Amino acid sequence: MTIKRGKNNVVYVNTTEEEMVVIAEIVERKQHATIKQHGAKKGVLVDLYSASAIMNVYNHLSPESQAKMRSVPIGLRADIAFRVLAHQR
């Protein structure tokens, strides 16, 4: 893995697996981070609330569904997670 940390909580990643590692670290450290793909102009700011929702849903998925969830952008992952959690109520 080549996760690189920059200034102001910016984290540079290469793969979606690394994105999930960073999201798990956000939950563990209880801090937000901006996740940015190497070479991208803009990153995605992920807060603790969104990261927690993503990880909660992700950890309950089958390996096949986890692979599908990793293939979508972070913003859509958060949207999916919040919809699933709202549906559980």
PDB file of N, CA and C in Angstrom:
ATOM      1  N   MET A   1       0.835  -1.183   0.000  1.00  0.00           N
ATOM      2  CA  MET A   1       0.000   0.000   0.000  1.00  0.00           C
ATOM      3  C   MET A   1       0.877   1.243   0.000  1.00  0.00           C
ATOM      4  N   THR A   2       0.412   2.225  -0.703  1.00  0.00           N
ATOM      5  CA  THR A   2       1.161   3.468  -0.769  1.00  0.00           C
ATOM      6  C   THR A   2       0.267   4.631  -0.342  1.00  0.00           C
ATOM      7  N   ILE A   3      -0.115   4.619   0.912  1.00  0.00           N
ATOM      8  CA  ILE A   3      -0.907   5.710   1.457  1.00  0.00           C
ATOM      9  C   ILE A   3       0.065   6.786   1.912  1.00  0.00           C
ATOM     10  N   LYS A   4      -0.127   7.976   1.399  1.00  0.00           N
ATOM     11  CA  LYS A   4       0.755   9.087   1.742  1.00  0.00           C
ATOM     12  C   LYS A   4      -0.066  10.176   2.416  1.00  0.00           C
ATOM     13  N   ARG A   5       0.444  10.687   3.500  1.00  0.00           N
ATOM     14  CA  ARG A   5      -0.261  11.737   4.234  1.00  0.00           C
ATOM     15  C   ARG A   5       0.362  13.092   3.917  1.00  0.00           C
ATOM     16  N   GLY A   6      -0.491  14.058   3.630  1.00  0.00           N
ATOM     17  CA  GLY A   6      -0.043  15.407   3.352  1.00  0.00           C
ATOM     18  C   GLY A   6      -0.462  16.349   4.465  1.00  0.00           C
ATOM     19  N   LYS A   7      -0.391  17.619   4.186  1.00  0.00           N
ATOM     20  CA  LYS A   7      -0.789  18.633   5.161  1.00  0.00           C
ATOM     21  C   LYS A   7      -2.308  18.697   5.267  1.00  0.00           C
ATOM     22  N   ASN A   8      -2.793  19.192   6.392  1.00  0.00           N
ATOM     23  CA  ASN A   8      -4.218  19.452   6.613  1.00  0.00           C
ATOM     24  C   ASN A   8      -5.096  18.218   6.450  1.00  0.00           C
ATOM     25  N   ASN A   9      -4.658  17.074   6.968  1.00  0.00           N
ATOM     26  CA  ASN A   9      -5.429  15.826   6.926  1.00  0.00           C
ATOM     27  C   ASN A   9      -5.751  15.363   5.512  1.00  0.00           C
ATOM     28  N   VAL A  10      -4.881  15.640   4.550  1.00  0.00           N
ATOM     29  CA  VAL A  10      -5.058  15.135   3.194  1.00  0.00           C
ATOM     30  C   VAL A  10      -4.323  13.807   3.094  1.00  0.00           C
ATOM     31  N   VAL A  11      -5.019  12.797   2.589  1.00  0.00           N
ATOM     32  CA  VAL A  11      -4.442  11.463   2.452  1.00  0.00           C
ATOM     33  C   VAL A  11      -4.492  11.086   0.973  1.00  0.00           C
ATOM     34  N   TYR A  12      -3.348  10.733   0.410  1.00  0.00           N
ATOM     35  CA  TYR A  12      -3.249  10.346  -0.994  1.00  0.00           C
ATOM     36  C   TYR A  12      -3.263   8.824  -1.096  1.00  0.00           C
ATOM     37  N   VAL A  13      -4.150   8.295  -1.935  1.00  0.00           N
ATOM     38  CA  VAL A  13      -4.272   6.848  -2.112  1.00  0.00           C
ATOM     39  C   VAL A  13      -4.219   6.507  -3.599  1.00  0.00           C
ATOM     40  N   ASN A  14      -3.938   5.247  -3.888  1.00  0.00           N
ATOM     41  CA  ASN A  14      -3.906   4.769  -5.273  1.00  0.00           C
ATOM     42  C   ASN A  14      -5.103   3.891  -5.611  1.00  0.00           C
ATOM     43  N   THR A  15      -5.582   3.108  -4.662  1.00  0.00           N
ATOM     44  CA  THR A  15      -6.625   2.128  -4.954  1.00  0.00           C
ATOM     45  C   THR A  15      -7.826   2.320  -4.030  1.00  0.00           C
ATOM     46  N   THR A  16      -8.931   1.673  -4.397  1.00  0.00           N
ATOM     47  CA  THR A  16     -10.129   1.753  -3.564  1.00  0.00           C
ATOM     48  C   THR A  16      -9.955   0.969  -2.262  1.00  0.00           C
ATOM     49  N   GLU A  17      -9.103  -0.050  -2.272  1.00  0.00           N
ATOM     50  CA  GLU A  17      -8.820  -0.773  -1.033  1.00  0.00           C
ATOM     51  C   GLU A  17      -8.137   0.155  -0.035  1.00  0.00           C
ATOM     52  N   GLU A  18      -7.238   0.992  -0.541  1.00  0.00           N
ATOM     53  CA  GLU A  18      -6.575   1.967   0.327  1.00  0.00           C
ATOM     54  C   GLU A  18      -7.565   3.002   0.849  1.00  0.00           C
ATOM     55  N   GLU A  19      -8.555   3.358   0.025  1.00  0.00           N
ATOM     56  CA  GLU A  19      -9.601   4.280   0.489  1.00  0.00           C
ATOM     57  C   GLU A  19     -10.336   3.689   1.687  1.00  0.00           C
ATOM     58  N   MET A  20     -10.644   2.396   1.615  1.00  0.00           N
ATOM     59  CA  MET A  20     -11.362   1.760   2.725  1.00  0.00           C
ATOM     60  C   MET A  20     -10.488   1.706   3.980  1.00  0.00           C
ATOM     61  N   VAL A  21      -9.193   1.531   3.819  1.00  0.00           N
ATOM     62  CA  VAL A  21      -8.270   1.549   4.957  1.00  0.00           C
ATOM     63  C   VAL A  21      -8.277   2.931   5.603  1.00  0.00           C
ATOM     64  N   VAL A  22      -8.264   3.970   4.776  1.00  0.00           N
ATOM     65  CA  VAL A  22      -8.283   5.333   5.301  1.00  0.00           C
ATOM     66  C   VAL A  22      -9.612   5.621   5.993  1.00  0.00           C
ATOM     67  N   ILE A  23     -10.718   5.154   5.430  1.00  0.00           N
ATOM     68  CA  ILE A  23     -12.027   5.349   6.066  1.00  0.00           C
ATOM     69  C   ILE A  23     -12.064   4.652   7.419  1.00  0.00           C
ATOM     70  N   ALA A  24     -11.490   3.452   7.502  1.00  0.00           N
ATOM     71  CA  ALA A  24     -11.415   2.754   8.792  1.00  0.00           C
ATOM     72  C   ALA A  24     -10.549   3.528   9.784  1.00  0.00           C
ATOM     73  N   GLU A  25      -9.467   4.135   9.295  1.00  0.00           N
ATOM     74  CA  GLU A  25      -8.603   4.946  10.166  1.00  0.00           C
ATOM     75  C   GLU A  25      -9.330   6.189  10.666  1.00  0.00           C
ATOM     76  N   ILE A  26     -10.190   6.769   9.830  1.00  0.00           N
ATOM     77  CA  ILE A  26     -10.978   7.930  10.260  1.00  0.00           C
ATOM     78  C   ILE A  26     -11.846   7.554  11.452  1.00  0.00           C
ATOM     79  N   VAL A  27     -12.478   6.388  11.369  1.00  0.00           N
ATOM     80  CA  VAL A  27     -13.326   5.920  12.470  1.00  0.00           C
ATOM     81  C   VAL A  27     -12.477   5.640  13.702  1.00  0.00           C
ATOM     82  N   GLU A  28     -11.341   4.999  13.507  1.00  0.00           N
ATOM     83  CA  GLU A  28     -10.467   4.643  14.628  1.00  0.00           C
ATOM     84  C   GLU A  28      -9.899   5.881  15.317  1.00  0.00           C
ATOM     85  N   ARG A  29      -9.447   6.855  14.531  1.00  0.00           N
ATOM     86  CA  ARG A  29      -8.827   8.061  15.096  1.00  0.00           C
ATOM     87  C   ARG A  29      -9.844   9.131  15.502  1.00  0.00           C
ATOM     88  N   LYS A  30     -11.091   8.954  15.026  1.00  0.00           N
ATOM     89  CA  LYS A  30     -12.168   9.917  15.303  1.00  0.00           C
ATOM     90  C   LYS A  30     -11.818  11.300  14.790  1.00  0.00           C
ATOM     91  N   GLN A  31     -11.302  11.339  13.547  1.00  0.00           N
ATOM     92  CA  GLN A  31     -10.951  12.596  12.890  1.00  0.00           C
ATOM     93  C   GLN A  31     -11.320  12.513  11.416  1.00  0.00           C
ATOM     94  N   HIS A  32     -11.646  13.646  10.841  1.00  0.00           N
ATOM     95  CA  HIS A  32     -11.955  13.702   9.419  1.00  0.00           C
ATOM     96  C   HIS A  32     -10.658  13.626   8.609  1.00  0.00           C
ATOM     97  N   ALA A  33     -10.810  13.412   7.315  1.00  0.00           N
ATOM     98  CA  ALA A  33      -9.664  13.430   6.403  1.00  0.00           C
ATOM     99  C   ALA A  33     -10.173  13.720   5.000  1.00  0.00           C
ATOM    100  N   THR A  34      -9.305  14.288   4.191  1.00  0.00           N
ATOM    101  CA  THR A  34      -9.600  14.467   2.778  1.00  0.00           C
ATOM    102  C   THR A  34      -8.876  13.362   2.026  1.00  0.00           C
ATOM    103  N   ILE A  35      -9.643  12.528   1.341  1.00  0.00           N
ATOM    104  CA  ILE A  35      -9.078  11.410   0.594  1.00  0.00           C
ATOM    105  C   ILE A  35      -8.945  11.845  -0.855  1.00  0.00           C
ATOM    106  N   LYS A  36      -7.720  11.720  -1.367  1.00  0.00           N
ATOM    107  CA  LYS A  36      -7.424  12.203  -2.711  1.00  0.00           C
ATOM    108  C   LYS A  36      -6.671  11.126  -3.474  1.00  0.00           C
ATOM    109  N   GLN A  37      -7.164  10.782  -4.654  1.00  0.00           N
ATOM    110  CA  GLN A  37      -6.460   9.842  -5.519  1.00  0.00           C
ATOM    111  C   GLN A  37      -5.218  10.534  -6.062  1.00  0.00           C
ATOM    112  N   HIS A  38      -4.105   9.799  -6.208  1.00  0.00           N
ATOM    113  CA  HIS A  38      -2.888  10.379  -6.792  1.00  0.00           C
ATOM    114  C   HIS A  38      -3.204  10.899  -8.189  1.00  0.00           C
ATOM    115  N   GLY A  39      -2.835  12.125  -8.440  1.00  0.00           N
ATOM    116  CA  GLY A  39      -3.061  12.727  -9.737  1.00  0.00           C
ATOM    117  C   GLY A  39      -4.383  13.476  -9.860  1.00  0.00           C
ATOM    118  N   ALA A  40      -5.277  13.322  -8.902  1.00  0.00           N
ATOM    119  CA  ALA A  40      -6.561  14.019  -8.958  1.00  0.00           C
ATOM    120  C   ALA A  40      -6.404  15.458  -8.504  1.00  0.00           C
ATOM    121  N   LYS A  41      -7.236  16.347  -9.052  1.00  0.00           N
ATOM    122  CA  LYS A  41      -7.157  17.750  -8.669  1.00  0.00           C
ATOM    123  C   LYS A  41      -7.836  18.004  -7.328  1.00  0.00           C
ATOM    124  N   LYS A  42      -8.941  17.308  -7.077  1.00  0.00           N
ATOM    125  CA  LYS A  42      -9.689  17.522  -5.845  1.00  0.00           C
ATOM    126  C   LYS A  42      -9.844  16.207  -5.099  1.00  0.00           C
ATOM    127  N   GLY A  43      -9.985  16.318  -3.778  1.00  0.00           N
ATOM    128  CA  GLY A  43     -10.230  15.155  -2.958  1.00  0.00           C
ATOM    129  C   GLY A  43     -11.636  15.201  -2.392  1.00  0.00           C
ATOM    130  N   VAL A  44     -11.968  14.196  -1.600  1.00  0.00           N
ATOM    131  CA  VAL A  44     -13.278  14.103  -0.968  1.00  0.00           C
ATOM    132  C   VAL A  44     -13.076  14.178   0.535  1.00  0.00           C
ATOM    133  N   LEU A  45     -13.728  15.150   1.165  1.00  0.00           N
ATOM    134  CA  LEU A  45     -13.661  15.291   2.612  1.00  0.00           C
ATOM    135  C   LEU A  45     -14.613  14.285   3.234  1.00  0.00           C
ATOM    136  N   VAL A  46     -14.091  13.407   4.085  1.00  0.00           N
ATOM    137  CA  VAL A  46     -14.899  12.392   4.748  1.00  0.00           C
ATOM    138  C   VAL A  46     -14.861  12.667   6.244  1.00  0.00           C
ATOM    139  N   ASP A  47     -16.033  12.911   6.816  1.00  0.00           N
ATOM    140  CA  ASP A  47     -16.106  13.171   8.248  1.00  0.00           C
ATOM    141  C   ASP A  47     -16.340  11.869   9.005  1.00  0.00           C
ATOM    142  N   LEU A  48     -16.275  11.942  10.318  1.00  0.00           N
ATOM    143  CA  LEU A  48     -16.410  10.756  11.155  1.00  0.00           C
ATOM    144  C   LEU A  48     -17.779  10.114  11.004  1.00  0.00           C
ATOM    145  N   TYR A  49     -18.826  10.908  10.920  1.00  0.00           N
ATOM    146  CA  TYR A  49     -20.186  10.383  10.812  1.00  0.00           C
ATOM    147  C   TYR A  49     -20.353   9.566   9.533  1.00  0.00           C
ATOM    148  N   SER A  50     -19.895  10.109   8.425  1.00  0.00           N
ATOM    149  CA  SER A  50     -19.997   9.403   7.137  1.00  0.00           C
ATOM    150  C   SER A  50     -19.113   8.160   7.117  1.00  0.00           C
ATOM    151  N   ALA A  51     -17.897   8.289   7.637  1.00  0.00           N
ATOM    152  CA  ALA A  51     -16.979   7.146   7.670  1.00  0.00           C
ATOM    153  C   ALA A  51     -17.541   6.018   8.519  1.00  0.00           C
ATOM    154  N   SER A  52     -18.155   6.366   9.639  1.00  0.00           N
ATOM    155  CA  SER A  52     -18.746   5.359  10.511  1.00  0.00           C
ATOM    156  C   SER A  52     -19.896   4.638   9.819  1.00  0.00           C
ATOM    157  N   ALA A  53     -20.729   5.382   9.107  1.00  0.00           N
ATOM    158  CA  ALA A  53     -21.850   4.779   8.381  1.00  0.00           C
ATOM    159  C   ALA A  53     -21.339   3.843   7.285  1.00  0.00           C
ATOM    160  N   ILE A  54     -20.331   4.298   6.533  1.00  0.00           N
ATOM    161  CA  ILE A  54     -19.772   3.471   5.462  1.00  0.00           C
ATOM    162  C   ILE A  54     -19.202   2.176   6.030  1.00  0.00           C
ATOM    163  N   MET A  55     -18.415   2.268   7.087  1.00  0.00           N
ATOM    164  CA  MET A  55     -17.788   1.071   7.656  1.00  0.00           C
ATOM    165  C   MET A  55     -18.813   0.132   8.278  1.00  0.00           C
ATOM    166  N   ASN A  56     -19.854   0.688   8.895  1.00  0.00           N
ATOM    167  CA  ASN A  56     -20.892  -0.143   9.505  1.00  0.00           C
ATOM    168  C   ASN A  56     -21.572  -1.007   8.446  1.00  0.00           C
ATOM    169  N   VAL A  57     -21.944  -0.417   7.333  1.00  0.00           N
ATOM    170  CA  VAL A  57     -22.591  -1.171   6.255  1.00  0.00           C
ATOM    171  C   VAL A  57     -21.585  -2.096   5.579  1.00  0.00           C
ATOM    172  N   TYR A  58     -20.389  -1.606   5.290  1.00  0.00           N
ATOM    173  CA  TYR A  58     -19.360  -2.378   4.591  1.00  0.00           C
ATOM    174  C   TYR A  58     -19.002  -3.660   5.351  1.00  0.00           C
ATOM    175  N   ASN A  59     -18.875  -3.568   6.654  1.00  0.00           N
ATOM    176  CA  ASN A  59     -18.484  -4.730   7.452  1.00  0.00           C
ATOM    177  C   ASN A  59     -19.563  -5.801   7.512  1.00  0.00           C
ATOM    178  N   HIS A  60     -20.799  -5.457   7.192  1.00  0.00           N
ATOM    179  CA  HIS A  60     -21.878  -6.434   7.218  1.00  0.00           C
ATOM    180  C   HIS A  60     -22.175  -7.033   5.843  1.00  0.00           C
ATOM    181  N   LEU A  61     -21.429  -6.639   4.840  1.00  0.00           N
ATOM    182  CA  LEU A  61     -21.639  -7.146   3.484  1.00  0.00           C
ATOM    183  C   LEU A  61     -20.819  -8.410   3.227  1.00  0.00           C
ATOM    184  N   SER A  62     -21.274  -9.191   2.256  1.00  0.00           N
ATOM    185  CA  SER A  62     -20.502 -10.351   1.808  1.00  0.00           C
ATOM    186  C   SER A  62     -19.286  -9.859   1.037  1.00  0.00           C
ATOM    187  N   PRO A  63     -18.271 -10.698   0.871  1.00  0.00           N
ATOM    188  CA  PRO A  63     -17.081 -10.272   0.118  1.00  0.00           C
ATOM    189  C   PRO A  63     -17.396  -9.793  -1.307  1.00  0.00           C
ATOM    190  N   GLU A  64     -18.368 -10.420  -1.961  1.00  0.00           N
ATOM    191  CA  GLU A  64     -18.737  -9.991  -3.312  1.00  0.00           C
ATOM    192  C   GLU A  64     -19.350  -8.597  -3.289  1.00  0.00           C
ATOM    193  N   SER A  65     -20.218  -8.352  -2.314  1.00  0.00           N
ATOM    194  CA  SER A  65     -20.859  -7.041  -2.198  1.00  0.00           C
ATOM    195  C   SER A  65     -19.860  -5.983  -1.752  1.00  0.00           C
ATOM    196  N   GLN A  66     -18.883  -6.375  -0.929  1.00  0.00           N
ATOM    197  CA  GLN A  66     -17.839  -5.438  -0.528  1.00  0.00           C
ATOM    198  C   GLN A  66     -17.041  -4.976  -1.747  1.00  0.00           C
ATOM    199  N   ALA A  67     -16.748  -5.893  -2.649  1.00  0.00           N
ATOM    200  CA  ALA A  67     -16.015  -5.543  -3.867  1.00  0.00           C
ATOM    201  C   ALA A  67     -16.823  -4.570  -4.718  1.00  0.00           C
ATOM    202  N   LYS A  68     -18.134  -4.783  -4.799  1.00  0.00           N
ATOM    203  CA  LYS A  68     -18.987  -3.870  -5.554  1.00  0.00           C
ATOM    204  C   LYS A  68     -19.013  -2.495  -4.899  1.00  0.00           C
ATOM    205  N   MET A  69     -19.069  -2.464  -3.565  1.00  0.00           N
ATOM    206  CA  MET A  69     -19.123  -1.181  -2.864  1.00  0.00           C
ATOM    207  C   MET A  69     -17.812  -0.415  -3.031  1.00  0.00           C
ATOM    208  N   ARG A  70     -16.687  -1.130  -3.063  1.00  0.00           N
ATOM    209  CA  ARG A  70     -15.393  -0.472  -3.267  1.00  0.00           C
ATOM    210  C   ARG A  70     -15.275   0.124  -4.663  1.00  0.00           C
ATOM    211  N   SER A  71     -16.041  -0.384  -5.615  1.00  0.00           N
ATOM    212  CA  SER A  71     -15.910   0.079  -6.997  1.00  0.00           C
ATOM    213  C   SER A  71     -16.623   1.404  -7.258  1.00  0.00           C
ATOM    214  N   VAL A  72     -17.440   1.873  -6.320  1.00  0.00           N
ATOM    215  CA  VAL A  72     -18.160   3.135  -6.524  1.00  0.00           C
ATOM    216  C   VAL A  72     -17.423   4.277  -5.818  1.00  0.00           C
ATOM    217  N   PRO A  73     -17.637   5.511  -6.262  1.00  0.00           N
ATOM    218  CA  PRO A  73     -16.977   6.652  -5.616  1.00  0.00           C
ATOM    219  C   PRO A  73     -17.389   6.808  -4.146  1.00  0.00           C
ATOM    220  N   ILE A  74     -16.559   7.485  -3.376  1.00  0.00           N
ATOM    221  CA  ILE A  74     -16.789   7.628  -1.938  1.00  0.00           C
ATOM    222  C   ILE A  74     -18.119   8.305  -1.640  1.00  0.00           C
ATOM    223  N   GLY A  75     -18.463   9.332  -2.390  1.00  0.00           N
ATOM    224  CA  GLY A  75     -19.727  10.027  -2.162  1.00  0.00           C
ATOM    225  C   GLY A  75     -20.920   9.111  -2.321  1.00  0.00           C
ATOM    226  N   LEU A  76     -20.870   8.249  -3.323  1.00  0.00           N
ATOM    227  CA  LEU A  76     -21.951   7.294  -3.541  1.00  0.00           C
ATOM    228  C   LEU A  76     -21.951   6.217  -2.460  1.00  0.00           C
ATOM    229  N   ARG A  77     -20.764   5.823  -1.981  1.00  0.00           N
ATOM    230  CA  ARG A  77     -20.695   4.865  -0.871  1.00  0.00           C
ATOM    231  C   ARG A  77     -21.411   5.410   0.358  1.00  0.00           C
ATOM    232  N   ALA A  78     -21.170   6.687   0.655  1.00  0.00           N
ATOM    233  CA  ALA A  78     -21.823   7.306   1.812  1.00  0.00           C
ATOM    234  C   ALA A  78     -23.328   7.352   1.601  1.00  0.00           C
ATOM    235  N   ASP A  79     -23.774   7.703   0.386  1.00  0.00           N
ATOM    236  CA  ASP A  79     -25.200   7.756   0.084  1.00  0.00           C
ATOM    237  C   ASP A  79     -25.840   6.385   0.264  1.00  0.00           C
ATOM    238  N   ILE A  80     -25.188   5.346  -0.234  1.00  0.00           N
ATOM    239  CA  ILE A  80     -25.693   3.975  -0.081  1.00  0.00           C
ATOM    240  C   ILE A  80     -25.775   3.610   1.396  1.00  0.00           C
ATOM    241  N   ALA A  81     -24.722   3.916   2.143  1.00  0.00           N
ATOM    242  CA  ALA A  81     -24.684   3.568   3.562  1.00  0.00           C
ATOM    243  C   ALA A  81     -25.815   4.249   4.330  1.00  0.00           C
ATOM    244  N   PHE A  82     -26.041   5.533   4.080  1.00  0.00           N
ATOM    245  CA  PHE A  82     -27.099   6.238   4.789  1.00  0.00           C
ATOM    246  C   PHE A  82     -28.477   5.723   4.402  1.00  0.00           C
ATOM    247  N   ARG A  83     -28.666   5.347   3.155  1.00  0.00           N
ATOM    248  CA  ARG A  83     -29.953   4.788   2.738  1.00  0.00           C
ATOM    249  C   ARG A  83     -30.209   3.439   3.403  1.00  0.00           C
ATOM    250  N   VAL A  84     -29.174   2.611   3.473  1.00  0.00           N
ATOM    251  CA  VAL A  84     -29.335   1.305   4.130  1.00  0.00           C
ATOM    252  C   VAL A  84     -29.636   1.479   5.617  1.00  0.00           C
ATOM    253  N   LEU A  85     -28.909   2.374   6.260  1.00  0.00           N
ATOM    254  CA  LEU A  85     -29.132   2.595   7.699  1.00  0.00           C
ATOM    255  C   LEU A  85     -30.496   3.209   7.973  1.00  0.00           C
ATOM    256  N   ALA A  86     -30.958   4.086   7.092  1.00  0.00           N
ATOM    257  CA  ALA A  86     -32.301   4.675   7.269  1.00  0.00           C
ATOM    258  C   ALA A  86     -33.380   3.631   7.068  1.00  0.00           C
ATOM    259  N   HIS A  87     -33.145   2.691   6.161  1.00  0.00           N
ATOM    260  CA  HIS A  87     -34.110   1.634   5.887  1.00  0.00           C
ATOM    261  C   HIS A  87     -34.216   0.643   7.050  1.00  0.00           C
ATOM    262  N   GLN A  88     -33.150   0.499   7.836  1.00  0.00           N
ATOM    263  CA  GLN A  88     -33.151  -0.437   8.962  1.00  0.00           C
ATOM    264  C   GLN A  88     -34.048   0.012  10.101  1.00  0.00           C
ATOM    265  N   ARG A  89     -34.304   1.295  10.189  1.00  0.00           N
ATOM    266  CA  ARG A  89     -35.099   1.821  11.303  1.00  0.00           C
ATOM    267  C   ARG A  89     -36.479   1.369  11.240  1.00  0.00           C
TER     268      ARG A  89
END
